[in-house]
Amino acid sequence: MYKVLPPGVKSSITRSISKVYESYMADIEWDEDRYDLSDFIKEWKDYIETNAAWYEKVPVEVKESPLFHEEVALKMNQTIEKILSEPPTEDQISRIEAKQEAMKTNFDYACRAEAAFVETKLGRLN
């Protein structure tokens, strides 16, 4: 069912997953111990029902289909895996390390999105 959606809708779904995941992770300060899949799913559901233009473009019978939900869950896993496997850029590493050295902090970061969060956090602390 997911596969028959227009390409623009599919890419919008992926962007909404990325946006909400990164926002959720920032809310919990990228603390893996605080991660709760059901909380993330709730935030994503709230977001798509109130902010995602693509949601209205998906027919009700598709949204109600268990197969569609399985396919979206697979897409969610793929999107999150991609976010988590994308390494920080050299520029991010340089900026973060310089700020951490100057500020005497030691925040860990493993992926590009988490590095962006750390960089923003260091900017607020400065």
PDB file of N, CA and C in Angstrom:
ATOM      1  N   MET A   1       0.822  -1.197   0.000  1.00  0.00           N
ATOM      2  CA  MET A   1       0.000   0.000   0.000  1.00  0.00           C
ATOM      3  C   MET A   1       0.862   1.254   0.000  1.00  0.00           C
ATOM      4  N   TYR A   2       1.906   1.253   0.791  1.00  0.00           N
ATOM      5  CA  TYR A   2       2.816   2.402   0.840  1.00  0.00           C
ATOM      6  C   TYR A   2       3.435   2.648  -0.526  1.00  0.00           C
ATOM      7  N   LYS A   3       3.783   1.557  -1.202  1.00  0.00           N
ATOM      8  CA  LYS A   3       4.485   1.651  -2.488  1.00  0.00           C
ATOM      9  C   LYS A   3       3.652   2.316  -3.573  1.00  0.00           C
ATOM     10  N   VAL A   4       2.329   2.282  -3.470  1.00  0.00           N
ATOM     11  CA  VAL A   4       1.485   2.873  -4.501  1.00  0.00           C
ATOM     12  C   VAL A   4       1.225   4.359  -4.277  1.00  0.00           C
ATOM     13  N   LEU A   5       1.675   4.884  -3.160  1.00  0.00           N
ATOM     14  CA  LEU A   5       1.501   6.312  -2.900  1.00  0.00           C
ATOM     15  C   LEU A   5       2.377   7.124  -3.854  1.00  0.00           C
ATOM     16  N   PRO A   6       1.961   8.345  -4.181  1.00  0.00           N
ATOM     17  CA  PRO A   6       2.781   9.196  -5.049  1.00  0.00           C
ATOM     18  C   PRO A   6       4.156   9.457  -4.412  1.00  0.00           C
ATOM     19  N   PRO A   7       5.194   9.597  -5.228  1.00  0.00           N
ATOM     20  CA  PRO A   7       6.547   9.821  -4.701  1.00  0.00           C
ATOM     21  C   PRO A   7       6.629  11.003  -3.732  1.00  0.00           C
ATOM     22  N   GLY A   8       5.895  12.072  -4.002  1.00  0.00           N
ATOM     23  CA  GLY A   8       5.921  13.236  -3.115  1.00  0.00           C
ATOM     24  C   GLY A   8       5.380  12.922  -1.731  1.00  0.00           C
ATOM     25  N   VAL A   9       4.360  12.096  -1.679  1.00  0.00           N
ATOM     26  CA  VAL A   9       3.783  11.694  -0.388  1.00  0.00           C
ATOM     27  C   VAL A   9       4.777  10.814   0.367  1.00  0.00           C
ATOM     28  N   LYS A  10       5.395   9.869  -0.354  1.00  0.00           N
ATOM     29  CA  LYS A  10       6.367   8.992   0.301  1.00  0.00           C
ATOM     30  C   LYS A  10       7.551   9.788   0.851  1.00  0.00           C
ATOM     31  N   SER A  11       8.043  10.755   0.091  1.00  0.00           N
ATOM     32  CA  SER A  11       9.168  11.544   0.601  1.00  0.00           C
ATOM     33  C   SER A  11       8.730  12.435   1.758  1.00  0.00           C
ATOM     34  N   SER A  12       7.494  12.902   1.725  1.00  0.00           N
ATOM     35  CA  SER A  12       6.974  13.696   2.852  1.00  0.00           C
ATOM     36  C   SER A  12       6.848  12.843   4.116  1.00  0.00           C
ATOM     37  N   ILE A  13       6.464  11.603   3.957  1.00  0.00           N
ATOM     38  CA  ILE A  13       6.386  10.690   5.102  1.00  0.00           C
ATOM     39  C   ILE A  13       7.782  10.522   5.703  1.00  0.00           C
ATOM     40  N   THR A  14       8.762  10.291   4.846  1.00  0.00           N
ATOM     41  CA  THR A  14      10.137  10.126   5.320  1.00  0.00           C
ATOM     42  C   THR A  14      10.628  11.381   6.039  1.00  0.00           C
ATOM     43  N   ARG A  15      10.355  12.549   5.455  1.00  0.00           N
ATOM     44  CA  ARG A  15      10.775  13.809   6.107  1.00  0.00           C
ATOM     45  C   ARG A  15      10.090  13.985   7.458  1.00  0.00           C
ATOM     46  N   SER A  16       8.824  13.599   7.544  1.00  0.00           N
ATOM     47  CA  SER A  16       8.124  13.756   8.827  1.00  0.00           C
ATOM     48  C   SER A  16       8.712  12.815   9.876  1.00  0.00           C
ATOM     49  N   ILE A  17       9.096  11.631   9.463  1.00  0.00           N
ATOM     50  CA  ILE A  17       9.732  10.702  10.404  1.00  0.00           C
ATOM     51  C   ILE A  17      11.042  11.304  10.905  1.00  0.00           C
ATOM     52  N   SER A  18      11.863  11.786   9.983  1.00  0.00           N
ATOM     53  CA  SER A  18      13.155  12.393  10.360  1.00  0.00           C
ATOM     54  C   SER A  18      12.965  13.582  11.286  1.00  0.00           C
ATOM     55  N   LYS A  19      12.071  14.471  10.901  1.00  0.00           N
ATOM     56  CA  LYS A  19      11.837  15.690  11.681  1.00  0.00           C
ATOM     57  C   LYS A  19      11.395  15.365  13.107  1.00  0.00           C
ATOM     58  N   VAL A  20      10.425  14.484  13.226  1.00  0.00           N
ATOM     59  CA  VAL A  20       9.890  14.158  14.549  1.00  0.00           C
ATOM     60  C   VAL A  20      10.909  13.363  15.362  1.00  0.00           C
ATOM     61  N   TYR A  21      11.637  12.452  14.722  1.00  0.00           N
ATOM     62  CA  TYR A  21      12.634  11.672  15.452  1.00  0.00           C
ATOM     63  C   TYR A  21      13.722  12.586  16.014  1.00  0.00           C
ATOM     64  N   GLU A  22      14.245  13.467  15.192  1.00  0.00           N
ATOM     65  CA  GLU A  22      15.297  14.368  15.657  1.00  0.00           C
ATOM     66  C   GLU A  22      14.773  15.316  16.740  1.00  0.00           C
ATOM     67  N   SER A  23      13.549  15.770  16.598  1.00  0.00           N
ATOM     68  CA  SER A  23      12.944  16.629  17.622  1.00  0.00           C
ATOM     69  C   SER A  23      12.742  15.860  18.931  1.00  0.00           C
ATOM     70  N   TYR A  24      12.239  14.638  18.828  1.00  0.00           N
ATOM     71  CA  TYR A  24      12.034  13.803  20.011  1.00  0.00           C
ATOM     72  C   TYR A  24      13.361  13.542  20.714  1.00  0.00           C
ATOM     73  N   MET A  25      14.378  13.187  19.939  1.00  0.00           N
ATOM     74  CA  MET A  25      15.686  12.905  20.532  1.00  0.00           C
ATOM     75  C   MET A  25      16.262  14.153  21.194  1.00  0.00           C
ATOM     76  N   ALA A  26      16.053  15.309  20.604  1.00  0.00           N
ATOM     77  CA  ALA A  26      16.514  16.555  21.227  1.00  0.00           C
ATOM     78  C   ALA A  26      15.766  16.794  22.534  1.00  0.00           C
ATOM     79  N   ASP A  27      14.476  16.508  22.550  1.00  0.00           N
ATOM     80  CA  ASP A  27      13.681  16.682  23.772  1.00  0.00           C
ATOM     81  C   ASP A  27      14.203  15.824  24.918  1.00  0.00           C
ATOM     82  N   ILE A  28      14.703  14.639  24.581  1.00  0.00           N
ATOM     83  CA  ILE A  28      15.244  13.764  25.629  1.00  0.00           C
ATOM     84  C   ILE A  28      16.769  13.877  25.701  1.00  0.00           C
ATOM     85  N   GLU A  29      17.299  14.898  25.042  1.00  0.00           N
ATOM     86  CA  GLU A  29      18.735  15.201  25.026  1.00  0.00           C
ATOM     87  C   GLU A  29      19.576  14.020  24.551  1.00  0.00           C
ATOM     88  N   TRP A  30      19.063  13.290  23.584  1.00  0.00           N
ATOM     89  CA  TRP A  30      19.744  12.142  22.981  1.00  0.00           C
ATOM     90  C   TRP A  30      20.177  11.121  24.030  1.00  0.00           C
ATOM     91  N   ASP A  31      19.434  11.043  25.116  1.00  0.00           N
ATOM     92  CA  ASP A  31      19.721  10.088  26.184  1.00  0.00           C
ATOM     93  C   ASP A  31      19.024   8.767  25.863  1.00  0.00           C
ATOM     94  N   GLU A  32      19.799   7.778  25.462  1.00  0.00           N
ATOM     95  CA  GLU A  32      19.242   6.485  25.052  1.00  0.00           C
ATOM     96  C   GLU A  32      18.422   5.827  26.152  1.00  0.00           C
ATOM     97  N   ASP A  33      18.764   6.084  27.397  1.00  0.00           N
ATOM     98  CA  ASP A  33      18.013   5.492  28.511  1.00  0.00           C
ATOM     99  C   ASP A  33      16.608   6.082  28.626  1.00  0.00           C
ATOM    100  N   ARG A  34      16.417   7.278  28.118  1.00  0.00           N
ATOM    101  CA  ARG A  34      15.110   7.933  28.173  1.00  0.00           C
ATOM    102  C   ARG A  34      14.255   7.641  26.943  1.00  0.00           C
ATOM    103  N   TYR A  35      14.850   6.998  25.943  1.00  0.00           N
ATOM    104  CA  TYR A  35      14.122   6.712  24.699  1.00  0.00           C
ATOM    105  C   TYR A  35      12.997   5.719  24.968  1.00  0.00           C
ATOM    106  N   ASP A  36      11.821   6.060  24.460  1.00  0.00           N
ATOM    107  CA  ASP A  36      10.662   5.184  24.591  1.00  0.00           C
ATOM    108  C   ASP A  36       9.948   5.185  23.243  1.00  0.00           C
ATOM    109  N   LEU A  37       9.954   4.050  22.576  1.00  0.00           N
ATOM    110  CA  LEU A  37       9.365   3.953  21.247  1.00  0.00           C
ATOM    111  C   LEU A  37       7.914   4.413  21.236  1.00  0.00           C
ATOM    112  N   SER A  38       7.158   4.055  22.241  1.00  0.00           N
ATOM    113  CA  SER A  38       5.743   4.449  22.253  1.00  0.00           C
ATOM    114  C   SER A  38       5.594   5.966  22.370  1.00  0.00           C
ATOM    115  N   ASP A  39       6.489   6.626  23.103  1.00  0.00           N
ATOM    116  CA  ASP A  39       6.452   8.096  23.179  1.00  0.00           C
ATOM    117  C   ASP A  39       6.775   8.718  21.825  1.00  0.00           C
ATOM    118  N   PHE A  40       7.787   8.152  21.155  1.00  0.00           N
ATOM    119  CA  PHE A  40       8.138   8.660  19.833  1.00  0.00           C
ATOM    120  C   PHE A  40       6.973   8.485  18.863  1.00  0.00           C
ATOM    121  N   ILE A  41       6.356   7.312  18.865  1.00  0.00           N
ATOM    122  CA  ILE A  41       5.229   7.036  17.966  1.00  0.00           C
ATOM    123  C   ILE A  41       4.084   8.002  18.253  1.00  0.00           C
ATOM    124  N   LYS A  42       3.832   8.268  19.518  1.00  0.00           N
ATOM    125  CA  LYS A  42       2.768   9.208  19.880  1.00  0.00           C
ATOM    126  C   LYS A  42       3.080  10.594  19.325  1.00  0.00           C
ATOM    127  N   GLU A  43       4.320  11.042  19.478  1.00  0.00           N
ATOM    128  CA  GLU A  43       4.695  12.360  18.942  1.00  0.00           C
ATOM    129  C   GLU A  43       4.558  12.391  17.435  1.00  0.00           C
ATOM    130  N   TRP A  44       4.964  11.313  16.758  1.00  0.00           N
ATOM    131  CA  TRP A  44       4.854  11.271  15.305  1.00  0.00           C
ATOM    132  C   TRP A  44       3.385  11.304  14.884  1.00  0.00           C
ATOM    133  N   LYS A  45       2.549  10.536  15.573  1.00  0.00           N
ATOM    134  CA  LYS A  45       1.119  10.515  15.257  1.00  0.00           C
ATOM    135  C   LYS A  45       0.504  11.893  15.455  1.00  0.00           C
ATOM    136  N   ASP A  46       0.831  12.546  16.573  1.00  0.00           N
ATOM    137  CA  ASP A  46       0.321  13.900  16.816  1.00  0.00           C
ATOM    138  C   ASP A  46       0.770  14.859  15.716  1.00  0.00           C
ATOM    139  N   TYR A  47       2.046  14.749  15.331  1.00  0.00           N
ATOM    140  CA  TYR A  47       2.584  15.632  14.302  1.00  0.00           C
ATOM    141  C   TYR A  47       1.869  15.427  12.966  1.00  0.00           C
ATOM    142  N   ILE A  48       1.736  14.174  12.534  1.00  0.00           N
ATOM    143  CA  ILE A  48       1.151  13.948  11.209  1.00  0.00           C
ATOM    144  C   ILE A  48      -0.329  14.334  11.164  1.00  0.00           C
ATOM    145  N   GLU A  49      -1.006  14.180  12.280  1.00  0.00           N
ATOM    146  CA  GLU A  49      -2.436  14.517  12.293  1.00  0.00           C
ATOM    147  C   GLU A  49      -2.681  16.018  12.351  1.00  0.00           C
ATOM    148  N   THR A  50      -1.707  16.793  12.805  1.00  0.00           N
ATOM    149  CA  THR A  50      -1.926  18.237  12.934  1.00  0.00           C
ATOM    150  C   THR A  50      -1.061  19.096  12.024  1.00  0.00           C
ATOM    151  N   ASN A  51       0.097  18.571  11.579  1.00  0.00           N
ATOM    152  CA  ASN A  51       1.029  19.406  10.819  1.00  0.00           C
ATOM    153  C   ASN A  51       1.426  18.888   9.443  1.00  0.00           C
ATOM    154  N   ALA A  52       1.199  17.635   9.161  1.00  0.00           N
ATOM    155  CA  ALA A  52       1.694  17.048   7.916  1.00  0.00           C
ATOM    156  C   ALA A  52       0.649  17.149   6.805  1.00  0.00           C
ATOM    157  N   ALA A  53       0.986  17.901   5.762  1.00  0.00           N
ATOM    158  CA  ALA A  53       0.062  18.071   4.633  1.00  0.00           C
ATOM    159  C   ALA A  53      -0.207  16.741   3.923  1.00  0.00           C
ATOM    160  N   TRP A  54       0.762  15.841   3.945  1.00  0.00           N
ATOM    161  CA  TRP A  54       0.596  14.568   3.238  1.00  0.00           C
ATOM    162  C   TRP A  54      -0.490  13.696   3.856  1.00  0.00           C
ATOM    163  N   TYR A  55      -0.765  13.870   5.135  1.00  0.00           N
ATOM    164  CA  TYR A  55      -1.684  12.990   5.838  1.00  0.00           C
ATOM    165  C   TYR A  55      -3.078  13.014   5.213  1.00  0.00           C
ATOM    166  N   GLU A  56      -3.503  14.185   4.783  1.00  0.00           N
ATOM    167  CA  GLU A  56      -4.830  14.310   4.171  1.00  0.00           C
ATOM    168  C   GLU A  56      -4.866  13.713   2.762  1.00  0.00           C
ATOM    169  N   LYS A  57      -3.702  13.524   2.154  1.00  0.00           N
ATOM    170  CA  LYS A  57      -3.632  12.990   0.794  1.00  0.00           C
ATOM    171  C   LYS A  57      -3.699  11.467   0.761  1.00  0.00           C
ATOM    172  N   VAL A  58      -3.563  10.848   1.909  1.00  0.00           N
ATOM    173  CA  VAL A  58      -3.613   9.380   1.976  1.00  0.00           C
ATOM    174  C   VAL A  58      -5.056   8.973   2.241  1.00  0.00           C
ATOM    175  N   PRO A  59      -5.623   8.159   1.370  1.00  0.00           N
ATOM    176  CA  PRO A  59      -7.013   7.733   1.566  1.00  0.00           C
ATOM    177  C   PRO A  59      -7.224   7.031   2.911  1.00  0.00           C
ATOM    178  N   VAL A  60      -8.398   7.202   3.464  1.00  0.00           N
ATOM    179  CA  VAL A  60      -8.744   6.622   4.761  1.00  0.00           C
ATOM    180  C   VAL A  60      -8.532   5.110   4.760  1.00  0.00           C
ATOM    181  N   GLU A  61      -8.947   4.438   3.691  1.00  0.00           N
ATOM    182  CA  GLU A  61      -8.806   2.977   3.658  1.00  0.00           C
ATOM    183  C   GLU A  61      -7.336   2.553   3.697  1.00  0.00           C
ATOM    184  N   VAL A  62      -6.449   3.387   3.165  1.00  0.00           N
ATOM    185  CA  VAL A  62      -5.014   3.092   3.247  1.00  0.00           C
ATOM    186  C   VAL A  62      -4.535   3.304   4.680  1.00  0.00           C
ATOM    187  N   LYS A  63      -4.910   4.428   5.288  1.00  0.00           N
ATOM    188  CA  LYS A  63      -4.496   4.722   6.669  1.00  0.00           C
ATOM    189  C   LYS A  63      -4.995   3.674   7.659  1.00  0.00           C
ATOM    190  N   GLU A  64      -6.107   3.052   7.354  1.00  0.00           N
ATOM    191  CA  GLU A  64      -6.675   2.043   8.251  1.00  0.00           C
ATOM    192  C   GLU A  64      -6.123   0.640   8.011  1.00  0.00           C
ATOM    193  N   SER A  65      -5.353   0.477   6.969  1.00  0.00           N
ATOM    194  CA  SER A  65      -4.839  -0.841   6.603  1.00  0.00           C
ATOM    195  C   SER A  65      -3.669  -1.266   7.491  1.00  0.00           C
ATOM    196  N   PRO A  66      -3.735  -2.464   8.083  1.00  0.00           N
ATOM    197  CA  PRO A  66      -2.605  -2.975   8.863  1.00  0.00           C
ATOM    198  C   PRO A  66      -1.331  -3.085   8.020  1.00  0.00           C
ATOM    199  N   LEU A  67      -1.485  -3.434   6.739  1.00  0.00           N
ATOM    200  CA  LEU A  67      -0.328  -3.536   5.855  1.00  0.00           C
ATOM    201  C   LEU A  67       0.363  -2.179   5.708  1.00  0.00           C
ATOM    202  N   PHE A  68      -0.423  -1.128   5.559  1.00  0.00           N
ATOM    203  CA  PHE A  68       0.155   0.221   5.465  1.00  0.00           C
ATOM    204  C   PHE A  68       0.944   0.548   6.732  1.00  0.00           C
ATOM    205  N   HIS A  69       0.410   0.206   7.883  1.00  0.00           N
ATOM    206  CA  HIS A  69       1.097   0.478   9.145  1.00  0.00           C
ATOM    207  C   HIS A  69       2.398  -0.316   9.247  1.00  0.00           C
ATOM    208  N   GLU A  70       2.376  -1.549   8.779  1.00  0.00           N
ATOM    209  CA  GLU A  70       3.605  -2.356   8.759  1.00  0.00           C
ATOM    210  C   GLU A  70       4.650  -1.721   7.857  1.00  0.00           C
ATOM    211  N   GLU A  71       4.214  -1.271   6.696  1.00  0.00           N
ATOM    212  CA  GLU A  71       5.140  -0.656   5.737  1.00  0.00           C
ATOM    213  C   GLU A  71       5.695   0.667   6.264  1.00  0.00           C
ATOM    214  N   VAL A  72       4.864   1.446   6.927  1.00  0.00           N
ATOM    215  CA  VAL A  72       5.333   2.703   7.514  1.00  0.00           C
ATOM    216  C   VAL A  72       6.298   2.414   8.665  1.00  0.00           C
ATOM    217  N   ALA A  73       6.029   1.382   9.440  1.00  0.00           N
ATOM    218  CA  ALA A  73       6.952   0.998  10.521  1.00  0.00           C
ATOM    219  C   ALA A  73       8.303   0.604   9.946  1.00  0.00           C
ATOM    220  N   LEU A  74       8.305  -0.122   8.847  1.00  0.00           N
ATOM    221  CA  LEU A  74       9.553  -0.482   8.179  1.00  0.00           C
ATOM    222  C   LEU A  74      10.281   0.776   7.704  1.00  0.00           C
ATOM    223  N   LYS A  75       9.537   1.698   7.095  1.00  0.00           N
ATOM    224  CA  LYS A  75      10.124   2.957   6.632  1.00  0.00           C
ATOM    225  C   LYS A  75      10.672   3.746   7.813  1.00  0.00           C
ATOM    226  N   MET A  76       9.974   3.717   8.917  1.00  0.00           N
ATOM    227  CA  MET A  76      10.424   4.404  10.127  1.00  0.00           C
ATOM    228  C   MET A  76      11.757   3.823  10.592  1.00  0.00           C
ATOM    229  N   ASN A  77      11.845   2.506  10.649  1.00  0.00           N
ATOM    230  CA  ASN A  77      13.091   1.849  11.060  1.00  0.00           C
ATOM    231  C   ASN A  77      14.239   2.191  10.121  1.00  0.00           C
ATOM    232  N   GLN A  78      13.969   2.175   8.819  1.00  0.00           N
ATOM    233  CA  GLN A  78      14.997   2.508   7.835  1.00  0.00           C
ATOM    234  C   GLN A  78      15.466   3.954   7.981  1.00  0.00           C
ATOM    235  N   THR A  79      14.526   4.853   8.188  1.00  0.00           N
ATOM    236  CA  THR A  79      14.851   6.271   8.307  1.00  0.00           C
ATOM    237  C   THR A  79      15.664   6.533   9.567  1.00  0.00           C
ATOM    238  N   ILE A  80      15.261   5.938  10.670  1.00  0.00           N
ATOM    239  CA  ILE A  80      15.993   6.114  11.924  1.00  0.00           C
ATOM    240  C   ILE A  80      17.391   5.517  11.813  1.00  0.00           C
ATOM    241  N   GLU A  81      17.497   4.355  11.193  1.00  0.00           N
ATOM    242  CA  GLU A  81      18.812   3.725  10.995  1.00  0.00           C
ATOM    243  C   GLU A  81      19.714   4.638  10.167  1.00  0.00           C
ATOM    244  N   LYS A  82      19.150   5.242   9.156  1.00  0.00           N
ATOM    245  CA  LYS A  82      19.941   6.159   8.308  1.00  0.00           C
ATOM    246  C   LYS A  82      20.425   7.353   9.126  1.00  0.00           C
ATOM    247  N   ILE A  83      19.551   7.925   9.937  1.00  0.00           N
ATOM    248  CA  ILE A  83      19.929   9.063  10.786  1.00  0.00           C
ATOM    249  C   ILE A  83      21.066   8.660  11.717  1.00  0.00           C
ATOM    250  N   LEU A  84      20.916   7.513  12.360  1.00  0.00           N
ATOM    251  CA  LEU A  84      21.900   7.080  13.351  1.00  0.00           C
ATOM    252  C   LEU A  84      23.227   6.646  12.734  1.00  0.00           C
ATOM    253  N   SER A  85      23.215   6.282  11.467  1.00  0.00           N
ATOM    254  CA  SER A  85      24.455   5.813  10.841  1.00  0.00           C
ATOM    255  C   SER A  85      25.193   6.901  10.069  1.00  0.00           C
ATOM    256  N   GLU A  86      24.600   8.078   9.966  1.00  0.00           N
ATOM    257  CA  GLU A  86      25.244   9.172   9.237  1.00  0.00           C
ATOM    258  C   GLU A  86      26.250   9.857  10.166  1.00  0.00           C
ATOM    259  N   PRO A  87      27.541   9.725   9.874  1.00  0.00           N
ATOM    260  CA  PRO A  87      28.551  10.261  10.786  1.00  0.00           C
ATOM    261  C   PRO A  87      28.571  11.787  10.806  1.00  0.00           C
ATOM    262  N   PRO A  88      29.044  12.361  11.909  1.00  0.00           N
ATOM    263  CA  PRO A  88      29.190  13.824  11.959  1.00  0.00           C
ATOM    264  C   PRO A  88      30.162  14.275  10.871  1.00  0.00           C
ATOM    265  N   THR A  89      29.967  15.478  10.378  1.00  0.00           N
ATOM    266  CA  THR A  89      30.885  16.010   9.379  1.00  0.00           C
ATOM    267  C   THR A  89      32.176  16.442  10.062  1.00  0.00           C
ATOM    268  N   GLU A  90      33.220  16.565   9.281  1.00  0.00           N
ATOM    269  CA  GLU A  90      34.503  17.042   9.823  1.00  0.00           C
ATOM    270  C   GLU A  90      34.337  18.444  10.405  1.00  0.00           C
ATOM    271  N   ASP A  91      33.538  19.280   9.742  1.00  0.00           N
ATOM    272  CA  ASP A  91      33.299  20.634  10.250  1.00  0.00           C
ATOM    273  C   ASP A  91      32.590  20.597  11.601  1.00  0.00           C
ATOM    274  N   GLN A  92      31.586  19.734  11.729  1.00  0.00           N
ATOM    275  CA  GLN A  92      30.896  19.606  13.014  1.00  0.00           C
ATOM    276  C   GLN A  92      31.868  19.177  14.097  1.00  0.00           C
ATOM    277  N   ILE A  93      32.669  18.172  13.802  1.00  0.00           N
ATOM    278  CA  ILE A  93      33.626  17.667  14.787  1.00  0.00           C
ATOM    279  C   ILE A  93      34.584  18.770  15.204  1.00  0.00           C
ATOM    280  N   SER A  94      35.105  19.499  14.247  1.00  0.00           N
ATOM    281  CA  SER A  94      36.058  20.582  14.556  1.00  0.00           C
ATOM    282  C   SER A  94      35.419  21.650  15.439  1.00  0.00           C
ATOM    283  N   ARG A  95      34.220  22.084  15.062  1.00  0.00           N
ATOM    284  CA  ARG A  95      33.552  23.139  15.844  1.00  0.00           C
ATOM    285  C   ARG A  95      33.226  22.658  17.253  1.00  0.00           C
ATOM    286  N   ILE A  96      32.691  21.434  17.357  1.00  0.00           N
ATOM    287  CA  ILE A  96      32.316  20.897  18.669  1.00  0.00           C
ATOM    288  C   ILE A  96      33.545  20.714  19.550  1.00  0.00           C
ATOM    289  N   GLU A  97      34.575  20.122  19.007  1.00  0.00           N
ATOM    290  CA  GLU A  97      35.782  19.877  19.805  1.00  0.00           C
ATOM    291  C   GLU A  97      36.400  21.192  20.276  1.00  0.00           C
ATOM    292  N   ALA A  98      36.413  22.202  19.425  1.00  0.00           N
ATOM    293  CA  ALA A  98      36.957  23.508  19.820  1.00  0.00           C
ATOM    294  C   ALA A  98      36.119  24.124  20.943  1.00  0.00           C
ATOM    295  N   LYS A  99      34.802  24.059  20.806  1.00  0.00           N
ATOM    296  CA  LYS A  99      33.923  24.600  21.849  1.00  0.00           C
ATOM    297  C   LYS A  99      34.071  23.816  23.144  1.00  0.00           C
ATOM    298  N   GLN A 100      34.149  22.498  23.039  1.00  0.00           N
ATOM    299  CA  GLN A 100      34.258  21.681  24.249  1.00  0.00           C
ATOM    300  C   GLN A 100      35.581  21.936  24.966  1.00  0.00           C
ATOM    301  N   GLU A 101      36.635  22.114  24.199  1.00  0.00           N
ATOM    302  CA  GLU A 101      37.934  22.399  24.811  1.00  0.00           C
ATOM    303  C   GLU A 101      37.891  23.742  25.529  1.00  0.00           C
ATOM    304  N   ALA A 102      37.313  24.733  24.887  1.00  0.00           N
ATOM    305  CA  ALA A 102      37.230  26.068  25.479  1.00  0.00           C
ATOM    306  C   ALA A 102      36.306  26.084  26.700  1.00  0.00           C
ATOM    307  N   MET A 103      35.245  25.297  26.643  1.00  0.00           N
ATOM    308  CA  MET A 103      34.250  25.308  27.715  1.00  0.00           C
ATOM    309  C   MET A 103      34.491  24.216  28.755  1.00  0.00           C
ATOM    310  N   LYS A 104      35.484  23.372  28.524  1.00  0.00           N
ATOM    311  CA  LYS A 104      35.796  22.264  29.440  1.00  0.00           C
ATOM    312  C   LYS A 104      34.590  21.334  29.619  1.00  0.00           C
ATOM    313  N   THR A 105      33.977  20.971  28.493  1.00  0.00           N
ATOM    314  CA  THR A 105      32.858  20.029  28.516  1.00  0.00           C
ATOM    315  C   THR A 105      33.265  18.778  27.753  1.00  0.00           C
ATOM    316  N   ASN A 106      32.445  17.759  27.870  1.00  0.00           N
ATOM    317  CA  ASN A 106      32.747  16.512  27.178  1.00  0.00           C
ATOM    318  C   ASN A 106      31.451  15.799  26.805  1.00  0.00           C
ATOM    319  N   PHE A 107      30.702  16.380  25.870  1.00  0.00           N
ATOM    320  CA  PHE A 107      29.473  15.750  25.408  1.00  0.00           C
ATOM    321  C   PHE A 107      29.803  14.779  24.289  1.00  0.00           C
ATOM    322  N   ASP A 108      29.247  13.576  24.378  1.00  0.00           N
ATOM    323  CA  ASP A 108      29.433  12.577  23.333  1.00  0.00           C
ATOM    324  C   ASP A 108      28.412  12.807  22.232  1.00  0.00           C
ATOM    325  N   TYR A 109      28.777  12.392  21.024  1.00  0.00           N
ATOM    326  CA  TYR A 109      27.866  12.449  19.891  1.00  0.00           C
ATOM    327  C   TYR A 109      28.322  11.400  18.887  1.00  0.00           C
ATOM    328  N   ALA A 110      27.367  10.692  18.330  1.00  0.00           N
ATOM    329  CA  ALA A 110      27.724   9.568  17.469  1.00  0.00           C
ATOM    330  C   ALA A 110      27.297   9.738  16.016  1.00  0.00           C
ATOM    331  N   CYS A 111      26.352  10.621  15.762  1.00  0.00           N
ATOM    332  CA  CYS A 111      25.867  10.788  14.393  1.00  0.00           C
ATOM    333  C   CYS A 111      25.711  12.278  14.095  1.00  0.00           C
ATOM    334  N   ARG A 112      25.456  12.584  12.842  1.00  0.00           N
ATOM    335  CA  ARG A 112      25.351  13.976  12.408  1.00  0.00           C
ATOM    336  C   ARG A 112      24.236  14.718  13.142  1.00  0.00           C
ATOM    337  N   ALA A 113      23.089  14.075  13.306  1.00  0.00           N
ATOM    338  CA  ALA A 113      21.965  14.727  13.977  1.00  0.00           C
ATOM    339  C   ALA A 113      22.279  14.985  15.451  1.00  0.00           C
ATOM    340  N   GLU A 114      22.908  14.026  16.100  1.00  0.00           N
ATOM    341  CA  GLU A 114      23.279  14.225  17.506  1.00  0.00           C
ATOM    342  C   GLU A 114      24.353  15.301  17.623  1.00  0.00           C
ATOM    343  N   ALA A 115      25.272  15.347  16.672  1.00  0.00           N
ATOM    344  CA  ALA A 115      26.299  16.394  16.672  1.00  0.00           C
ATOM    345  C   ALA A 115      25.651  17.767  16.531  1.00  0.00           C
ATOM    346  N   ALA A 116      24.635  17.880  15.689  1.00  0.00           N
ATOM    347  CA  ALA A 116      23.927  19.155  15.541  1.00  0.00           C
ATOM    348  C   ALA A 116      23.276  19.544  16.869  1.00  0.00           C
ATOM    349  N   PHE A 117      22.710  18.570  17.562  1.00  0.00           N
ATOM    350  CA  PHE A 117      22.120  18.831  18.874  1.00  0.00           C
ATOM    351  C   PHE A 117      23.181  19.322  19.861  1.00  0.00           C
ATOM    352  N   VAL A 118      24.325  18.643  19.914  1.00  0.00           N
ATOM    353  CA  VAL A 118      25.413  19.018  20.842  1.00  0.00           C
ATOM    354  C   VAL A 118      25.907  20.421  20.505  1.00  0.00           C
ATOM    355  N   GLU A 119      26.054  20.713  19.233  1.00  0.00           N
ATOM    356  CA  GLU A 119      26.533  22.031  18.836  1.00  0.00           C
ATOM    357  C   GLU A 119      25.557  23.127  19.275  1.00  0.00           C
ATOM    358  N   THR A 120      24.284  22.867  19.122  1.00  0.00           N
ATOM    359  CA  THR A 120      23.261  23.820  19.566  1.00  0.00           C
ATOM    360  C   THR A 120      23.305  23.969  21.091  1.00  0.00           C
ATOM    361  N   LYS A 121      23.438  22.862  21.781  1.00  0.00           N
ATOM    362  CA  LYS A 121      23.499  22.877  23.251  1.00  0.00           C
ATOM    363  C   LYS A 121      24.721  23.680  23.723  1.00  0.00           C
ATOM    364  N   LEU A 122      25.858  23.472  23.091  1.00  0.00           N
ATOM    365  CA  LEU A 122      27.051  24.220  23.462  1.00  0.00           C
ATOM    366  C   LEU A 122      26.873  25.709  23.191  1.00  0.00           C
ATOM    367  N   GLY A 123      26.173  26.035  22.119  1.00  0.00           N
ATOM    368  CA  GLY A 123      25.891  27.438  21.826  1.00  0.00           C
ATOM    369  C   GLY A 123      25.026  28.087  22.895  1.00  0.00           C
ATOM    370  N   ARG A 124      24.085  27.324  23.431  1.00  0.00           N
ATOM    371  CA  ARG A 124      23.229  27.862  24.512  1.00  0.00           C
ATOM    372  C   ARG A 124      23.993  28.001  25.815  1.00  0.00           C
ATOM    373  N   LEU A 125      24.961  27.118  26.051  1.00  0.00           N
ATOM    374  CA  LEU A 125      25.739  27.169  27.294  1.00  0.00           C
ATOM    375  C   LEU A 125      26.758  28.304  27.280  1.00  0.00           C
ATOM    376  N   ASN A 126      27.151  28.691  26.100  1.00  0.00           N
ATOM    377  CA  ASN A 126      28.204  29.693  25.947  1.00  0.00           C
ATOM    378  C   ASN A 126      27.772  31.076  26.325  1.00  0.00           C
TER     379      ASN A 126
END
